[in-house]
């Protein structure tokens, strides 16, 4: 499925200017049809899956309890 620059910006939650700059930097593959750029939506699926995986890893890391320090002794 192909998206326009506006649709891609909405899909990625960023500005249209940012999407245009990514196209110019060749970080996003796009086709020019004479009027506008067409961007294949499938190229973002792997990236978005990796982001979700990293978010889950960070949440797991945050919820892990802090281990007690073996050097600290309770001398009460």
PDB file of N, CA and C in Angstrom:
ATOM      1  N   UNK A   1       0.840  -1.167   0.000  1.00  0.00           N
ATOM      2  CA  UNK A   1       0.000   0.000   0.000  1.00  0.00           C
ATOM      3  C   UNK A   1       0.895   1.244   0.000  1.00  0.00           C
ATOM      4  N   UNK A   2       0.598   2.168  -0.842  1.00  0.00           N
ATOM      5  CA  UNK A   2       1.379   3.393  -0.945  1.00  0.00           C
ATOM      6  C   UNK A   2       0.666   4.551  -0.262  1.00  0.00           C
ATOM      7  N   UNK A   3       1.456   5.396   0.385  1.00  0.00           N
ATOM      8  CA  UNK A   3       0.941   6.544   1.111  1.00  0.00           C
ATOM      9  C   UNK A   3       1.520   7.826   0.518  1.00  0.00           C
ATOM     10  N   UNK A   4       0.786   8.905   0.640  1.00  0.00           N
ATOM     11  CA  UNK A   4       1.310  10.214   0.250  1.00  0.00           C
ATOM     12  C   UNK A   4       2.192  10.736   1.388  1.00  0.00           C
ATOM     13  N   UNK A   5       2.822  11.864   1.177  1.00  0.00           N
ATOM     14  CA  UNK A   5       3.664  12.453   2.221  1.00  0.00           C
ATOM     15  C   UNK A   5       2.820  12.809   3.441  1.00  0.00           C
ATOM     16  N   UNK A   6       1.633  13.363   3.201  1.00  0.00           N
ATOM     17  CA  UNK A   6       0.750  13.736   4.313  1.00  0.00           C
ATOM     18  C   UNK A   6       0.321  12.507   5.113  1.00  0.00           C
ATOM     19  N   UNK A   7      -0.076  11.446   4.417  1.00  0.00           N
ATOM     20  CA  UNK A   7      -0.499  10.215   5.092  1.00  0.00           C
ATOM     21  C   UNK A   7       0.662   9.578   5.843  1.00  0.00           C
ATOM     22  N   UNK A   8       1.857   9.637   5.263  1.00  0.00           N
ATOM     23  CA  UNK A   8       3.035   9.085   5.932  1.00  0.00           C
ATOM     24  C   UNK A   8       3.350   9.869   7.197  1.00  0.00           C
ATOM     25  N   UNK A   9       3.237  11.182   7.131  1.00  0.00           N
ATOM     26  CA  UNK A   9       3.483  12.014   8.311  1.00  0.00           C
ATOM     27  C   UNK A   9       2.489  11.684   9.426  1.00  0.00           C
ATOM     28  N   UNK A  10       1.239  11.461   9.078  1.00  0.00           N
ATOM     29  CA  UNK A  10       0.238  11.082  10.076  1.00  0.00           C
ATOM     30  C   UNK A  10       0.533   9.693  10.636  1.00  0.00           C
ATOM     31  N   UNK A  11       0.936   8.776   9.768  1.00  0.00           N
ATOM     32  CA  UNK A  11       1.237   7.401  10.183  1.00  0.00           C
ATOM     33  C   UNK A  11       2.429   7.360  11.136  1.00  0.00           C
ATOM     34  N   UNK A  12       3.443   8.184  10.870  1.00  0.00           N
ATOM     35  CA  UNK A  12       4.643   8.206  11.701  1.00  0.00           C
ATOM     36  C   UNK A  12       4.580   9.236  12.828  1.00  0.00           C
ATOM     37  N   UNK A  13       3.508  10.005  12.906  1.00  0.00           N
ATOM     38  CA  UNK A  13       3.322  11.055  13.912  1.00  0.00           C
ATOM     39  C   UNK A  13       4.455  12.079  13.873  1.00  0.00           C
ATOM     40  N   UNK A  14       4.694  12.605  12.690  1.00  0.00           N
ATOM     41  CA  UNK A  14       5.715  13.640  12.526  1.00  0.00           C
ATOM     42  C   UNK A  14       5.224  14.638  11.475  1.00  0.00           C
ATOM     43  N   UNK A  15       6.036  15.636  11.189  1.00  0.00           N
ATOM     44  CA  UNK A  15       5.612  16.666  10.249  1.00  0.00           C
ATOM     45  C   UNK A  15       5.888  16.250   8.807  1.00  0.00           C
ATOM     46  N   UNK A  16       5.194  16.901   7.887  1.00  0.00           N
ATOM     47  CA  UNK A  16       5.399  16.625   6.463  1.00  0.00           C
ATOM     48  C   UNK A  16       6.797  17.058   6.024  1.00  0.00           C
ATOM     49  N   UNK A  17       7.285  18.157   6.581  1.00  0.00           N
ATOM     50  CA  UNK A  17       8.634  18.619   6.247  1.00  0.00           C
ATOM     51  C   UNK A  17       9.692  17.597   6.655  1.00  0.00           C
ATOM     52  N   UNK A  18       9.472  16.956   7.798  1.00  0.00           N
ATOM     53  CA  UNK A  18      10.412  15.933   8.253  1.00  0.00           C
ATOM     54  C   UNK A  18      10.418  14.731   7.308  1.00  0.00           C
ATOM     55  N   UNK A  19       9.235  14.332   6.856  1.00  0.00           N
ATOM     56  CA  UNK A  19       9.140  13.214   5.904  1.00  0.00           C
ATOM     57  C   UNK A  19       9.849  13.585   4.600  1.00  0.00           C
ATOM     58  N   UNK A  20       9.644  14.818   4.130  1.00  0.00           N
ATOM     59  CA  UNK A  20      10.322  15.264   2.909  1.00  0.00           C
ATOM     60  C   UNK A  20      11.833  15.248   3.078  1.00  0.00           C
ATOM     61  N   UNK A  21      12.312  15.665   4.244  1.00  0.00           N
ATOM     62  CA  UNK A  21      13.759  15.658   4.460  1.00  0.00           C
ATOM     63  C   UNK A  21      14.305  14.233   4.516  1.00  0.00           C
ATOM     64  N   UNK A  22      13.532  13.304   5.066  1.00  0.00           N
ATOM     65  CA  UNK A  22      13.959  11.902   5.082  1.00  0.00           C
ATOM     66  C   UNK A  22      14.022  11.321   3.672  1.00  0.00           C
ATOM     67  N   UNK A  23      13.104  11.741   2.816  1.00  0.00           N
ATOM     68  CA  UNK A  23      13.127  11.295   1.421  1.00  0.00           C
ATOM     69  C   UNK A  23      14.355  11.853   0.720  1.00  0.00           C
ATOM     70  N   UNK A  24      14.654  13.127   0.947  1.00  0.00           N
ATOM     71  CA  UNK A  24      15.819  13.743   0.315  1.00  0.00           C
ATOM     72  C   UNK A  24      17.121  13.133   0.802  1.00  0.00           C
ATOM     73  N   UNK A  25      17.152  12.708   2.061  1.00  0.00           N
ATOM     74  CA  UNK A  25      18.338  12.068   2.623  1.00  0.00           C
ATOM     75  C   UNK A  25      18.419  10.586   2.252  1.00  0.00           C
ATOM     76  N   UNK A  26      17.402  10.107   1.536  1.00  0.00           N
ATOM     77  CA  UNK A  26      17.292   8.715   1.108  1.00  0.00           C
ATOM     78  C   UNK A  26      17.200   7.743   2.294  1.00  0.00           C
ATOM     79  N   UNK A  27      16.591   8.209   3.376  1.00  0.00           N
ATOM     80  CA  UNK A  27      16.333   7.337   4.517  1.00  0.00           C
ATOM     81  C   UNK A  27      14.982   6.653   4.393  1.00  0.00           C
ATOM     82  N   UNK A  28      14.116   7.219   3.543  1.00  0.00           N
ATOM     83  CA  UNK A  28      12.829   6.620   3.212  1.00  0.00           C
ATOM     84  C   UNK A  28      12.806   6.430   1.701  1.00  0.00           C
ATOM     85  N   UNK A  29      12.453   5.231   1.279  1.00  0.00           N
ATOM     86  CA  UNK A  29      12.327   4.974  -0.161  1.00  0.00           C
ATOM     87  C   UNK A  29      10.980   5.498  -0.640  1.00  0.00           C
ATOM     88  N   UNK A  30      11.005   6.222  -1.750  1.00  0.00           N
ATOM     89  CA  UNK A  30       9.772   6.812  -2.283  1.00  0.00           C
ATOM     90  C   UNK A  30       9.826   6.835  -3.801  1.00  0.00           C
ATOM     91  N   UNK A  31       8.652   6.793  -4.393  1.00  0.00           N
ATOM     92  CA  UNK A  31       8.508   6.902  -5.847  1.00  0.00           C
ATOM     93  C   UNK A  31       7.890   8.254  -6.171  1.00  0.00           C
ATOM     94  N   UNK A  32       8.388   8.895  -7.207  1.00  0.00           N
ATOM     95  CA  UNK A  32       7.813  10.168  -7.640  1.00  0.00           C
ATOM     96  C   UNK A  32       6.957   9.896  -8.859  1.00  0.00           C
ATOM     97  N   UNK A  33       5.660  10.192  -8.780  1.00  0.00           N
ATOM     98  CA  UNK A  33       4.732   9.880  -9.874  1.00  0.00           C
ATOM     99  C   UNK A  33       4.462  11.080 -10.775  1.00  0.00           C
ATOM    100  N   UNK A  34       5.264  12.138 -10.640  1.00  0.00           N
ATOM    101  CA  UNK A  34       5.073  13.327 -11.453  1.00  0.00           C
ATOM    102  C   UNK A  34       4.422  14.453 -10.695  1.00  0.00           C
ATOM    103  N   UNK A  35       3.584  14.139  -9.743  1.00  0.00           N
ATOM    104  CA  UNK A  35       2.916  15.149  -8.919  1.00  0.00           C
ATOM    105  C   UNK A  35       3.391  15.107  -7.468  1.00  0.00           C
ATOM    106  N   UNK A  36       3.474  13.917  -6.937  1.00  0.00           N
ATOM    107  CA  UNK A  36       3.761  13.753  -5.516  1.00  0.00           C
ATOM    108  C   UNK A  36       4.588  12.488  -5.319  1.00  0.00           C
ATOM    109  N   UNK A  37       5.165  12.365  -4.137  1.00  0.00           N
ATOM    110  CA  UNK A  37       5.900  11.152  -3.785  1.00  0.00           C
ATOM    111  C   UNK A  37       4.933  10.111  -3.238  1.00  0.00           C
ATOM    112  N   UNK A  38       5.188   8.870  -3.576  1.00  0.00           N
ATOM    113  CA  UNK A  38       4.432   7.744  -3.037  1.00  0.00           C
ATOM    114  C   UNK A  38       5.396   6.903  -2.210  1.00  0.00           C
ATOM    115  N   UNK A  39       4.986   6.587  -0.988  1.00  0.00           N
ATOM    116  CA  UNK A  39       5.844   5.896  -0.044  1.00  0.00           C
ATOM    117  C   UNK A  39       5.192   4.573   0.325  1.00  0.00           C
ATOM    118  N   UNK A  40       5.964   3.498   0.203  1.00  0.00           N
ATOM    119  CA  UNK A  40       5.455   2.173   0.526  1.00  0.00           C
ATOM    120  C   UNK A  40       5.364   2.020   2.047  1.00  0.00           C
ATOM    121  N   UNK A  41       4.194   1.698   2.534  1.00  0.00           N
ATOM    122  CA  UNK A  41       3.940   1.592   3.968  1.00  0.00           C
ATOM    123  C   UNK A  41       4.673   0.406   4.595  1.00  0.00           C
ATOM    124  N   UNK A  42       4.910  -0.647   3.825  1.00  0.00           N
ATOM    125  CA  UNK A  42       5.526  -1.860   4.363  1.00  0.00           C
ATOM    126  C   UNK A  42       6.952  -1.656   4.846  1.00  0.00           C
ATOM    127  N   UNK A  43       7.643  -0.632   4.363  1.00  0.00           N
ATOM    128  CA  UNK A  43       9.026  -0.429   4.776  1.00  0.00           C
ATOM    129  C   UNK A  43       9.138  -0.006   6.244  1.00  0.00           C
ATOM    130  N   UNK A  44       8.041   0.391   6.851  1.00  0.00           N
ATOM    131  CA  UNK A  44       8.068   0.819   8.244  1.00  0.00           C
ATOM    132  C   UNK A  44       7.697  -0.306   9.212  1.00  0.00           C
ATOM    133  N   UNK A  45       7.194  -1.410   8.723  1.00  0.00           N
ATOM    134  CA  UNK A  45       6.701  -2.459   9.617  1.00  0.00           C
ATOM    135  C   UNK A  45       7.820  -3.036  10.487  1.00  0.00           C
ATOM    136  N   UNK A  46       8.981  -3.319   9.917  1.00  0.00           N
ATOM    137  CA  UNK A  46      10.089  -3.871  10.702  1.00  0.00           C
ATOM    138  C   UNK A  46      10.552  -2.873  11.746  1.00  0.00           C
ATOM    139  N   UNK A  47      10.659  -1.625  11.359  1.00  0.00           N
ATOM    140  CA  UNK A  47      11.096  -0.582  12.291  1.00  0.00           C
ATOM    141  C   UNK A  47      10.117  -0.448  13.458  1.00  0.00           C
ATOM    142  N   UNK A  48       8.830  -0.443  13.168  1.00  0.00           N
ATOM    143  CA  UNK A  48       7.831  -0.297  14.225  1.00  0.00           C
ATOM    144  C   UNK A  48       7.807  -1.522  15.139  1.00  0.00           C
ATOM    145  N   UNK A  49       8.025  -2.720  14.577  1.00  0.00           N
ATOM    146  CA  UNK A  49       8.107  -3.929  15.406  1.00  0.00           C
ATOM    147  C   UNK A  49       9.295  -3.852  16.349  1.00  0.00           C
ATOM    148  N   UNK A  50      10.446  -3.378  15.849  1.00  0.00           N
ATOM    149  CA  UNK A  50      11.626  -3.240  16.692  1.00  0.00           C
ATOM    150  C   UNK A  50      11.395  -2.225  17.800  1.00  0.00           C
ATOM    151  N   UNK A  51      10.713  -1.120  17.497  1.00  0.00           N
ATOM    152  CA  UNK A  51      10.402  -0.133  18.526  1.00  0.00           C
ATOM    153  C   UNK A  51       9.547  -0.734  19.632  1.00  0.00           C
ATOM    154  N   UNK A  52       8.562  -1.524  19.253  1.00  0.00           N
ATOM    155  CA  UNK A  52       7.703  -2.167  20.252  1.00  0.00           C
ATOM    156  C   UNK A  52       8.515  -3.128  21.115  1.00  0.00           C
ATOM    157  N   UNK A  53       9.416  -3.880  20.491  1.00  0.00           N
ATOM    158  CA  UNK A  53      10.262  -4.811  21.236  1.00  0.00           C
ATOM    159  C   UNK A  53      11.145  -4.059  22.226  1.00  0.00           C
ATOM    160  N   UNK A  54      11.741  -2.956  21.784  1.00  0.00           N
ATOM    161  CA  UNK A  54      12.590  -2.168  22.678  1.00  0.00           C
ATOM    162  C   UNK A  54      11.787  -1.559  23.817  1.00  0.00           C
ATOM    163  N   UNK A  55      10.559  -1.109  23.536  1.00  0.00           N
ATOM    164  CA  UNK A  55       9.717  -0.559  24.594  1.00  0.00           C
ATOM    165  C   UNK A  55       9.413  -1.623  25.653  1.00  0.00           C
ATOM    166  N   UNK A  56       9.129  -2.852  25.203  1.00  0.00           N
ATOM    167  CA  UNK A  56       8.860  -3.937  26.141  1.00  0.00           C
ATOM    168  C   UNK A  56      10.094  -4.258  26.982  1.00  0.00           C
ATOM    169  N   UNK A  57      11.272  -4.263  26.362  1.00  0.00           N
ATOM    170  CA  UNK A  57      12.510  -4.532  27.100  1.00  0.00           C
ATOM    171  C   UNK A  57      12.780  -3.455  28.148  1.00  0.00           C
ATOM    172  N   UNK A  58      12.537  -2.209  27.800  1.00  0.00           N
ATOM    173  CA  UNK A  58      12.745  -1.119  28.751  1.00  0.00           C
ATOM    174  C   UNK A  58      11.758  -1.227  29.904  1.00  0.00           C
ATOM    175  N   UNK A  59      10.514  -1.549  29.614  1.00  0.00           N
ATOM    176  CA  UNK A  59       9.520  -1.708  30.677  1.00  0.00           C
ATOM    177  C   UNK A  59       9.882  -2.874  31.597  1.00  0.00           C
ATOM    178  N   UNK A  60      10.366  -3.970  31.025  1.00  0.00           N
ATOM    179  CA  UNK A  60      10.809  -5.103  31.844  1.00  0.00           C
ATOM    180  C   UNK A  60      11.971  -4.685  32.735  1.00  0.00           C
ATOM    181  N   UNK A  61      12.896  -3.936  32.157  1.00  0.00           N
ATOM    182  CA  UNK A  61      14.060  -3.489  32.908  1.00  0.00           C
ATOM    183  C   UNK A  61      13.657  -2.550  34.043  1.00  0.00           C
ATOM    184  N   UNK A  62      12.690  -1.658  33.758  1.00  0.00           N
ATOM    185  CA  UNK A  62      12.231  -0.716  34.781  1.00  0.00           C
ATOM    186  C   UNK A  62      11.495  -1.420  35.914  1.00  0.00           C
ATOM    187  N   UNK A  63      10.772  -2.481  35.612  1.00  0.00           N
ATOM    188  CA  UNK A  63       9.981  -3.156  36.637  1.00  0.00           C
ATOM    189  C   UNK A  63      10.797  -4.158  37.444  1.00  0.00           C
ATOM    190  N   UNK A  64      12.022  -4.402  37.045  1.00  0.00           N
ATOM    191  CA  UNK A  64      12.882  -5.339  37.764  1.00  0.00           C
ATOM    192  C   UNK A  64      13.302  -4.702  39.091  1.00  0.00           C
ATOM    193  N   UNK A  65      13.189  -5.438  40.189  1.00  0.00           N
ATOM    194  CA  UNK A  65      13.546  -4.842  41.485  1.00  0.00           C
ATOM    195  C   UNK A  65      15.062  -4.617  41.586  1.00  0.00           C
ATOM    196  N   UNK A  66      15.413  -3.610  42.368  1.00  0.00           N
ATOM    197  CA  UNK A  66      16.827  -3.308  42.570  1.00  0.00           C
ATOM    198  C   UNK A  66      17.381  -4.325  43.568  1.00  0.00           C
ATOM    199  N   UNK A  67      18.452  -5.014  43.204  1.00  0.00           N
ATOM    200  CA  UNK A  67      18.996  -6.011  44.136  1.00  0.00           C
ATOM    201  C   UNK A  67      19.646  -5.332  45.343  1.00  0.00           C
ATOM    202  N   UNK A  68      19.586  -6.020  46.450  1.00  0.00           N
ATOM    203  CA  UNK A  68      20.203  -5.477  47.651  1.00  0.00           C
ATOM    204  C   UNK A  68      21.714  -5.561  47.518  1.00  0.00           C
ATOM    205  N   UNK A  69      22.368  -4.555  48.033  1.00  0.00           N
ATOM    206  CA  UNK A  69      23.821  -4.522  47.983  1.00  0.00           C
ATOM    207  C   UNK A  69      24.354  -5.438  49.078  1.00  0.00           C
ATOM    208  N   UNK A  70      25.239  -6.348  48.734  1.00  0.00           N
ATOM    209  CA  UNK A  70      25.748  -7.312  49.726  1.00  0.00           C
ATOM    210  C   UNK A  70      26.698  -6.643  50.715  1.00  0.00           C
ATOM    211  N   UNK A  71      27.195  -5.455  50.400  1.00  0.00           N
ATOM    212  CA  UNK A  71      28.115  -4.767  51.294  1.00  0.00           C
ATOM    213  C   UNK A  71      27.395  -4.012  52.406  1.00  0.00           C
ATOM    214  N   UNK A  72      26.108  -3.775  52.255  1.00  0.00           N
ATOM    215  CA  UNK A  72      25.339  -3.049  53.255  1.00  0.00           C
ATOM    216  C   UNK A  72      24.820  -4.041  54.293  1.00  0.00           C
ATOM    217  N   UNK A  73      25.137  -3.760  55.540  1.00  0.00           N
ATOM    218  CA  UNK A  73      24.710  -4.652  56.625  1.00  0.00           C
ATOM    219  C   UNK A  73      23.756  -3.890  57.542  1.00  0.00           C
ATOM    220  N   UNK A  74      22.758  -4.585  57.972  1.00  0.00           N
ATOM    221  CA  UNK A  74      21.793  -3.987  58.874  1.00  0.00           C
ATOM    222  C   UNK A  74      22.353  -4.110  60.295  1.00  0.00           C
ATOM    223  N   UNK A  75      22.761  -2.990  60.868  1.00  0.00           N
ATOM    224  CA  UNK A  75      23.378  -3.018  62.185  1.00  0.00           C
ATOM    225  C   UNK A  75      22.497  -2.385  63.245  1.00  0.00           C
ATOM    226  N   UNK A  76      21.209  -2.445  63.066  1.00  0.00           N
ATOM    227  CA  UNK A  76      20.301  -1.856  64.059  1.00  0.00           C
ATOM    228  C   UNK A  76      20.209  -2.708  65.266  1.00  0.00           C
TER     229      UNK A  76
END
